């Protein structure tokens, strides 16, 4: 066990070459299995928000495309590369995502980031409901699942829901657990605001 952190840290790197981690970590095992039983020791979050009061077919389609290309978090919080981004398409089940969480920046330039990986475990692609889930892969400071879905309701509103369950990696020193929880909740709130703006201005 590391005395400092189990996370993969990256210093002074703009992430331009993160695609290499898709190959480096391609055989890394999942650290959370879809359907895995959790208990009160896991952090659980649920959010529900109307992101557009009145949508039409065109706006729903654009919002769906943004979501299924993982255009959810603002760049100053998280940047990523993935199998689907590398191939210029929407995400599919089994795709892996290399995430770069920005912990410390100065004048817009990266100082300290945390690298992690997730795998898309489910994709929802229906006429009025779009979304996906991903689970953590071993190169991740946490273990768990994140799910996002968007429903075009009969009223015309676009309703976005997020559900997540997470705990710090068992190898992570206990002193970092509250910090991981803080950044997780911050990312949720920033992502909700950012995606809402993207949809409303698309």
C-alpha atoms as a PDB file:
ATOM      1  CA  UNK A   1       0.000   0.000   0.000  1.00  0.00           C
ATOM      2  CA  UNK A   2       1.301   3.456  -0.884  1.00  0.00           C
ATOM      3  CA  UNK A   3       1.839   5.794   2.060  1.00  0.00           C
ATOM      4  CA  UNK A   4       0.626   8.742  -0.048  1.00  0.00           C
ATOM      5  CA  UNK A   5      -1.951   7.546  -2.576  1.00  0.00           C
ATOM      6  CA  UNK A   6      -2.867   4.583  -4.760  1.00  0.00           C
ATOM      7  CA  UNK A   7      -3.783   6.979  -7.577  1.00  0.00           C
ATOM      8  CA  UNK A   8      -1.810   7.418 -10.796  1.00  0.00           C
ATOM      9  CA  UNK A   9      -0.549  10.995 -10.571  1.00  0.00           C
ATOM     10  CA  UNK A  10       0.496  13.155 -13.500  1.00  0.00           C
ATOM     11  CA  UNK A  11       2.525  16.353 -13.116  1.00  0.00           C
ATOM     12  CA  UNK A  12       2.776  19.203 -15.632  1.00  0.00           C
ATOM     13  CA  UNK A  13       1.147  17.193 -18.446  1.00  0.00           C
ATOM     14  CA  UNK A  14      -1.505  18.523 -20.822  1.00  0.00           C
ATOM     15  CA  UNK A  15      -2.803  15.017 -21.571  1.00  0.00           C
ATOM     16  CA  UNK A  16      -2.012  15.173 -25.273  1.00  0.00           C
ATOM     17  CA  UNK A  17      -0.638  11.611 -25.241  1.00  0.00           C
ATOM     18  CA  UNK A  18      -3.176   9.950 -22.927  1.00  0.00           C
ATOM     19  CA  UNK A  19      -4.267   7.644 -25.725  1.00  0.00           C
ATOM     20  CA  UNK A  20      -1.248   5.514 -24.784  1.00  0.00           C
ATOM     21  CA  UNK A  21      -3.062   4.480 -21.595  1.00  0.00           C
ATOM     22  CA  UNK A  22      -5.831   2.867 -23.644  1.00  0.00           C
ATOM     23  CA  UNK A  23      -3.190   0.395 -24.823  1.00  0.00           C
ATOM     24  CA  UNK A  24      -1.189   0.238 -21.595  1.00  0.00           C
ATOM     25  CA  UNK A  25      -4.259  -0.541 -19.479  1.00  0.00           C
ATOM     26  CA  UNK A  26      -6.266  -2.523 -22.028  1.00  0.00           C
ATOM     27  CA  UNK A  27      -5.997  -5.734 -19.981  1.00  0.00           C
ATOM     28  CA  UNK A  28      -6.553  -4.130 -16.581  1.00  0.00           C
ATOM     29  CA  UNK A  29      -9.417  -5.853 -14.715  1.00  0.00           C
ATOM     30  CA  UNK A  30     -12.636  -4.203 -13.616  1.00  0.00           C
ATOM     31  CA  UNK A  31     -12.630  -3.102  -9.980  1.00  0.00           C
ATOM     32  CA  UNK A  32     -16.441  -3.061  -9.800  1.00  0.00           C
ATOM     33  CA  UNK A  33     -18.744  -5.633 -11.348  1.00  0.00           C
ATOM     34  CA  UNK A  34     -22.128  -4.565 -12.797  1.00  0.00           C
ATOM     35  CA  UNK A  35     -24.741  -5.700 -10.288  1.00  0.00           C
ATOM     36  CA  UNK A  36     -22.242  -5.886  -7.429  1.00  0.00           C
ATOM     37  CA  UNK A  37     -23.861  -5.636  -3.997  1.00  0.00           C
ATOM     38  CA  UNK A  38     -22.960  -2.535  -1.980  1.00  0.00           C
ATOM     39  CA  UNK A  39     -23.694  -1.420   1.572  1.00  0.00           C
ATOM     40  CA  UNK A  40     -23.659   1.678   3.774  1.00  0.00           C
ATOM     41  CA  UNK A  41     -19.869   1.918   3.490  1.00  0.00           C
ATOM     42  CA  UNK A  42     -20.271   3.085  -0.120  1.00  0.00           C
ATOM     43  CA  UNK A  43     -21.065   6.665  -1.114  1.00  0.00           C
ATOM     44  CA  UNK A  44     -24.338   6.883  -3.002  1.00  0.00           C
ATOM     45  CA  UNK A  45     -25.588   9.904  -4.965  1.00  0.00           C
ATOM     46  CA  UNK A  46     -28.702  10.570  -7.027  1.00  0.00           C
ATOM     47  CA  UNK A  47     -29.556  13.704  -8.996  1.00  0.00           C
ATOM     48  CA  UNK A  48     -32.559  14.628 -11.107  1.00  0.00           C
ATOM     49  CA  UNK A  49     -32.840  17.841 -13.119  1.00  0.00           C
ATOM     50  CA  UNK A  50     -34.948  19.225 -15.961  1.00  0.00           C
ATOM     51  CA  UNK A  51     -32.264  20.506 -18.318  1.00  0.00           C
ATOM     52  CA  UNK A  52     -34.666  21.812 -20.986  1.00  0.00           C
ATOM     53  CA  UNK A  53     -38.324  22.649 -20.240  1.00  0.00           C
ATOM     54  CA  UNK A  54     -39.500  22.182 -23.832  1.00  0.00           C
ATOM     55  CA  UNK A  55     -37.554  20.073 -26.304  1.00  0.00           C
ATOM     56  CA  UNK A  56     -38.307  18.964 -29.841  1.00  0.00           C
ATOM     57  CA  UNK A  57     -36.926  16.093 -31.888  1.00  0.00           C
ATOM     58  CA  UNK A  58     -33.951  18.133 -33.067  1.00  0.00           C
ATOM     59  CA  UNK A  59     -32.925  19.302 -29.590  1.00  0.00           C
ATOM     60  CA  UNK A  60     -33.364  15.798 -28.139  1.00  0.00           C
ATOM     61  CA  UNK A  61     -31.189  14.358 -30.909  1.00  0.00           C
ATOM     62  CA  UNK A  62     -28.443  16.935 -30.302  1.00  0.00           C
ATOM     63  CA  UNK A  63     -28.560  16.381 -26.549  1.00  0.00           C
ATOM     64  CA  UNK A  64     -28.384  12.609 -27.101  1.00  0.00           C
ATOM     65  CA  UNK A  65     -25.329  12.979 -29.315  1.00  0.00           C
ATOM     66  CA  UNK A  66     -23.571  15.104 -26.683  1.00  0.00           C
ATOM     67  CA  UNK A  67     -24.322  12.581 -23.966  1.00  0.00           C
ATOM     68  CA  UNK A  68     -23.292   9.510 -25.958  1.00  0.00           C
ATOM     69  CA  UNK A  69     -19.994  11.186 -26.791  1.00  0.00           C
ATOM     70  CA  UNK A  70     -19.416  11.840 -23.059  1.00  0.00           C
ATOM     71  CA  UNK A  71     -19.488  15.618 -23.455  1.00  0.00           C
ATOM     72  CA  UNK A  72     -20.529  15.988 -19.861  1.00  0.00           C
ATOM     73  CA  UNK A  73     -17.762  17.549 -17.756  1.00  0.00           C
ATOM     74  CA  UNK A  74     -16.107  20.936 -18.333  1.00  0.00           C
ATOM     75  CA  UNK A  75     -12.486  20.711 -19.459  1.00  0.00           C
ATOM     76  CA  UNK A  76     -11.134  22.396 -16.334  1.00  0.00           C
ATOM     77  CA  UNK A  77     -12.586  19.562 -14.220  1.00  0.00           C
ATOM     78  CA  UNK A  78     -11.970  16.517 -16.395  1.00  0.00           C
ATOM     79  CA  UNK A  79     -10.555  15.732 -19.805  1.00  0.00           C
ATOM     80  CA  UNK A  80     -10.571  12.309 -21.377  1.00  0.00           C
ATOM     81  CA  UNK A  81      -9.680  10.052 -24.235  1.00  0.00           C
ATOM     82  CA  UNK A  82     -11.436   6.815 -25.100  1.00  0.00           C
ATOM     83  CA  UNK A  83     -11.953   4.059 -27.625  1.00  0.00           C
ATOM     84  CA  UNK A  84     -14.952   5.892 -29.080  1.00  0.00           C
ATOM     85  CA  UNK A  85     -13.214   9.260 -29.179  1.00  0.00           C
ATOM     86  CA  UNK A  86     -10.232   7.717 -30.929  1.00  0.00           C
ATOM     87  CA  UNK A  87     -12.587   6.196 -33.517  1.00  0.00           C
ATOM     88  CA  UNK A  88     -14.777   9.298 -33.880  1.00  0.00           C
ATOM     89  CA  UNK A  89     -18.080   7.709 -32.866  1.00  0.00           C
ATOM     90  CA  UNK A  90     -20.597   7.401 -30.050  1.00  0.00           C
ATOM     91  CA  UNK A  91     -19.755   5.163 -27.121  1.00  0.00           C
ATOM     92  CA  UNK A  92     -20.518   1.435 -27.115  1.00  0.00           C
ATOM     93  CA  UNK A  93     -20.669  -1.137 -24.356  1.00  0.00           C
ATOM     94  CA  UNK A  94     -17.141  -2.316 -23.548  1.00  0.00           C
ATOM     95  CA  UNK A  95     -15.436   0.947 -24.546  1.00  0.00           C
ATOM     96  CA  UNK A  96     -12.817   2.174 -22.119  1.00  0.00           C
ATOM     97  CA  UNK A  97     -12.311   5.761 -21.039  1.00  0.00           C
ATOM     98  CA  UNK A  98      -9.083   7.264 -19.701  1.00  0.00           C
ATOM     99  CA  UNK A  99     -10.051  10.132 -17.421  1.00  0.00           C
ATOM    100  CA  UNK A 100      -7.746  12.946 -16.362  1.00  0.00           C
ATOM    101  CA  UNK A 101      -9.072  14.726 -13.265  1.00  0.00           C
ATOM    102  CA  UNK A 102      -7.542  18.160 -12.823  1.00  0.00           C
ATOM    103  CA  UNK A 103      -6.667  18.731  -9.175  1.00  0.00           C
ATOM    104  CA  UNK A 104      -4.365  21.708  -9.465  1.00  0.00           C
ATOM    105  CA  UNK A 105      -4.012  24.245 -12.275  1.00  0.00           C
ATOM    106  CA  UNK A 106      -2.261  27.584 -12.513  1.00  0.00           C
ATOM    107  CA  UNK A 107      -3.250  30.204 -15.090  1.00  0.00           C
ATOM    108  CA  UNK A 108      -5.111  27.521 -16.979  1.00  0.00           C
ATOM    109  CA  UNK A 109      -2.075  25.244 -17.171  1.00  0.00           C
ATOM    110  CA  UNK A 110      -1.976  21.757 -15.579  1.00  0.00           C
ATOM    111  CA  UNK A 111       0.052  21.217 -12.435  1.00  0.00           C
ATOM    112  CA  UNK A 112      -1.301  18.035 -10.863  1.00  0.00           C
ATOM    113  CA  UNK A 113      -3.805  15.559 -12.341  1.00  0.00           C
ATOM    114  CA  UNK A 114      -5.080  12.112 -11.386  1.00  0.00           C
ATOM    115  CA  UNK A 115      -5.437   9.506 -14.130  1.00  0.00           C
ATOM    116  CA  UNK A 116      -8.067   6.791 -14.017  1.00  0.00           C
ATOM    117  CA  UNK A 117      -9.929   4.368 -16.242  1.00  0.00           C
ATOM    118  CA  UNK A 118     -13.554   3.282 -16.561  1.00  0.00           C
ATOM    119  CA  UNK A 119     -15.404   0.883 -18.859  1.00  0.00           C
ATOM    120  CA  UNK A 120     -18.839   1.434 -20.394  1.00  0.00           C
ATOM    121  CA  UNK A 121     -21.038  -1.326 -18.966  1.00  0.00           C
ATOM    122  CA  UNK A 122     -24.434  -0.424 -20.455  1.00  0.00           C
ATOM    123  CA  UNK A 123     -25.822   1.832 -23.181  1.00  0.00           C
ATOM    124  CA  UNK A 124     -29.433   3.041 -23.396  1.00  0.00           C
ATOM    125  CA  UNK A 125     -30.392   4.205 -26.878  1.00  0.00           C
ATOM    126  CA  UNK A 126     -34.155   4.488 -27.255  1.00  0.00           C
ATOM    127  CA  UNK A 127     -36.527   6.879 -29.035  1.00  0.00           C
ATOM    128  CA  UNK A 128     -37.157   8.908 -25.869  1.00  0.00           C
ATOM    129  CA  UNK A 129     -34.446   7.747 -23.432  1.00  0.00           C
ATOM    130  CA  UNK A 130     -30.679   7.921 -23.822  1.00  0.00           C
ATOM    131  CA  UNK A 131     -27.898   7.145 -21.421  1.00  0.00           C
ATOM    132  CA  UNK A 132     -25.086   4.885 -20.290  1.00  0.00           C
ATOM    133  CA  UNK A 133     -23.301   3.443 -17.286  1.00  0.00           C
ATOM    134  CA  UNK A 134     -19.647   2.871 -16.605  1.00  0.00           C
ATOM    135  CA  UNK A 135     -17.743   0.995 -13.928  1.00  0.00           C
ATOM    136  CA  UNK A 136     -14.252   1.508 -12.603  1.00  0.00           C
ATOM    137  CA  UNK A 137     -11.194  -0.339 -13.871  1.00  0.00           C
ATOM    138  CA  UNK A 138      -8.221  -1.201 -11.644  1.00  0.00           C
ATOM    139  CA  UNK A 139      -6.186   1.975 -12.491  1.00  0.00           C
ATOM    140  CA  UNK A 140      -8.690   4.096 -10.526  1.00  0.00           C
ATOM    141  CA  UNK A 141      -8.438   5.693  -7.105  1.00  0.00           C
ATOM    142  CA  UNK A 142     -12.015   4.570  -6.415  1.00  0.00           C
ATOM    143  CA  UNK A 143     -14.323   1.636  -7.061  1.00  0.00           C
ATOM    144  CA  UNK A 144     -17.908   1.949  -8.232  1.00  0.00           C
ATOM    145  CA  UNK A 145     -20.424   2.727 -10.919  1.00  0.00           C
ATOM    146  CA  UNK A 146     -21.760   5.927 -12.509  1.00  0.00           C
ATOM    147  CA  UNK A 147     -24.953   6.077 -14.570  1.00  0.00           C
ATOM    148  CA  UNK A 148     -26.503   8.956 -16.490  1.00  0.00           C
ATOM    149  CA  UNK A 149     -29.790   8.930 -18.403  1.00  0.00           C
ATOM    150  CA  UNK A 150     -31.859  11.526 -20.208  1.00  0.00           C
ATOM    151  CA  UNK A 151     -35.602  11.090 -20.835  1.00  0.00           C
ATOM    152  CA  UNK A 152     -37.741  13.120 -23.229  1.00  0.00           C
ATOM    153  CA  UNK A 153     -40.972  13.292 -21.284  1.00  0.00           C
ATOM    154  CA  UNK A 154     -44.488  13.538 -22.685  1.00  0.00           C
ATOM    155  CA  UNK A 155     -44.625  17.116 -21.387  1.00  0.00           C
ATOM    156  CA  UNK A 156     -41.715  17.955 -23.716  1.00  0.00           C
ATOM    157  CA  UNK A 157     -39.170  18.384 -20.934  1.00  0.00           C
ATOM    158  CA  UNK A 158     -35.729  16.759 -20.983  1.00  0.00           C
ATOM    159  CA  UNK A 159     -35.116  15.138 -17.610  1.00  0.00           C
ATOM    160  CA  UNK A 160     -31.567  14.160 -16.679  1.00  0.00           C
ATOM    161  CA  UNK A 161     -30.831  11.673 -13.889  1.00  0.00           C
ATOM    162  CA  UNK A 162     -27.509  10.635 -12.413  1.00  0.00           C
ATOM    163  CA  UNK A 163     -26.934   7.755 -10.025  1.00  0.00           C
ATOM    164  CA  UNK A 164     -23.593   6.725  -8.649  1.00  0.00           C
ATOM    165  CA  UNK A 165     -22.178   4.426  -6.018  1.00  0.00           C
ATOM    166  CA  UNK A 166     -18.534   4.658  -5.069  1.00  0.00           C
ATOM    167  CA  UNK A 167     -15.960   3.981  -2.405  1.00  0.00           C
ATOM    168  CA  UNK A 168     -12.230   4.738  -2.294  1.00  0.00           C
ATOM    169  CA  UNK A 169      -9.918   2.000  -3.502  1.00  0.00           C
ATOM    170  CA  UNK A 170      -9.171  -0.262  -0.480  1.00  0.00           C
ATOM    171  CA  UNK A 171      -5.483   0.455  -1.095  1.00  0.00           C
ATOM    172  CA  UNK A 172      -6.048   4.203  -0.691  1.00  0.00           C
ATOM    173  CA  UNK A 173      -4.841   5.696   2.616  1.00  0.00           C
ATOM    174  CA  UNK A 174      -7.788   6.616   4.858  1.00  0.00           C
ATOM    175  CA  UNK A 175      -6.578  10.194   5.168  1.00  0.00           C
ATOM    176  CA  UNK A 176      -7.470  10.774   1.486  1.00  0.00           C
ATOM    177  CA  UNK A 177     -11.043   9.460   1.625  1.00  0.00           C
ATOM    178  CA  UNK A 178     -12.707  12.768   2.478  1.00  0.00           C
ATOM    179  CA  UNK A 179     -10.753  14.479  -0.322  1.00  0.00           C
ATOM    180  CA  UNK A 180     -11.903  11.864  -2.843  1.00  0.00           C
ATOM    181  CA  UNK A 181     -15.487  12.393  -1.711  1.00  0.00           C
ATOM    182  CA  UNK A 182     -15.141  16.165  -2.044  1.00  0.00           C
ATOM    183  CA  UNK A 183     -13.840  15.968  -5.619  1.00  0.00           C
ATOM    184  CA  UNK A 184     -16.496  13.426  -6.551  1.00  0.00           C
ATOM    185  CA  UNK A 185     -19.343  15.685  -5.435  1.00  0.00           C
ATOM    186  CA  UNK A 186     -17.751  18.738  -7.036  1.00  0.00           C
ATOM    187  CA  UNK A 187     -17.466  16.875 -10.337  1.00  0.00           C
ATOM    188  CA  UNK A 188     -21.151  15.920 -10.202  1.00  0.00           C
ATOM    189  CA  UNK A 189     -22.276  19.507  -9.710  1.00  0.00           C
ATOM    190  CA  UNK A 190     -19.929  20.955 -12.331  1.00  0.00           C
ATOM    191  CA  UNK A 191     -20.975  18.268 -14.801  1.00  0.00           C
ATOM    192  CA  UNK A 192     -24.691  18.926 -14.308  1.00  0.00           C
ATOM    193  CA  UNK A 193     -24.260  22.660 -14.865  1.00  0.00           C
ATOM    194  CA  UNK A 194     -21.955  22.206 -17.848  1.00  0.00           C
ATOM    195  CA  UNK A 195     -24.115  19.658 -19.633  1.00  0.00           C
ATOM    196  CA  UNK A 196     -27.234  21.770 -19.062  1.00  0.00           C
ATOM    197  CA  UNK A 197     -25.532  24.753 -20.706  1.00  0.00           C
ATOM    198  CA  UNK A 198     -24.352  22.632 -23.625  1.00  0.00           C
ATOM    199  CA  UNK A 199     -27.855  21.279 -24.270  1.00  0.00           C
ATOM    200  CA  UNK A 200     -29.543  24.657 -23.963  1.00  0.00           C
ATOM    201  CA  UNK A 201     -27.126  26.306 -26.405  1.00  0.00           C
ATOM    202  CA  UNK A 202     -26.798  23.437 -28.898  1.00  0.00           C
END
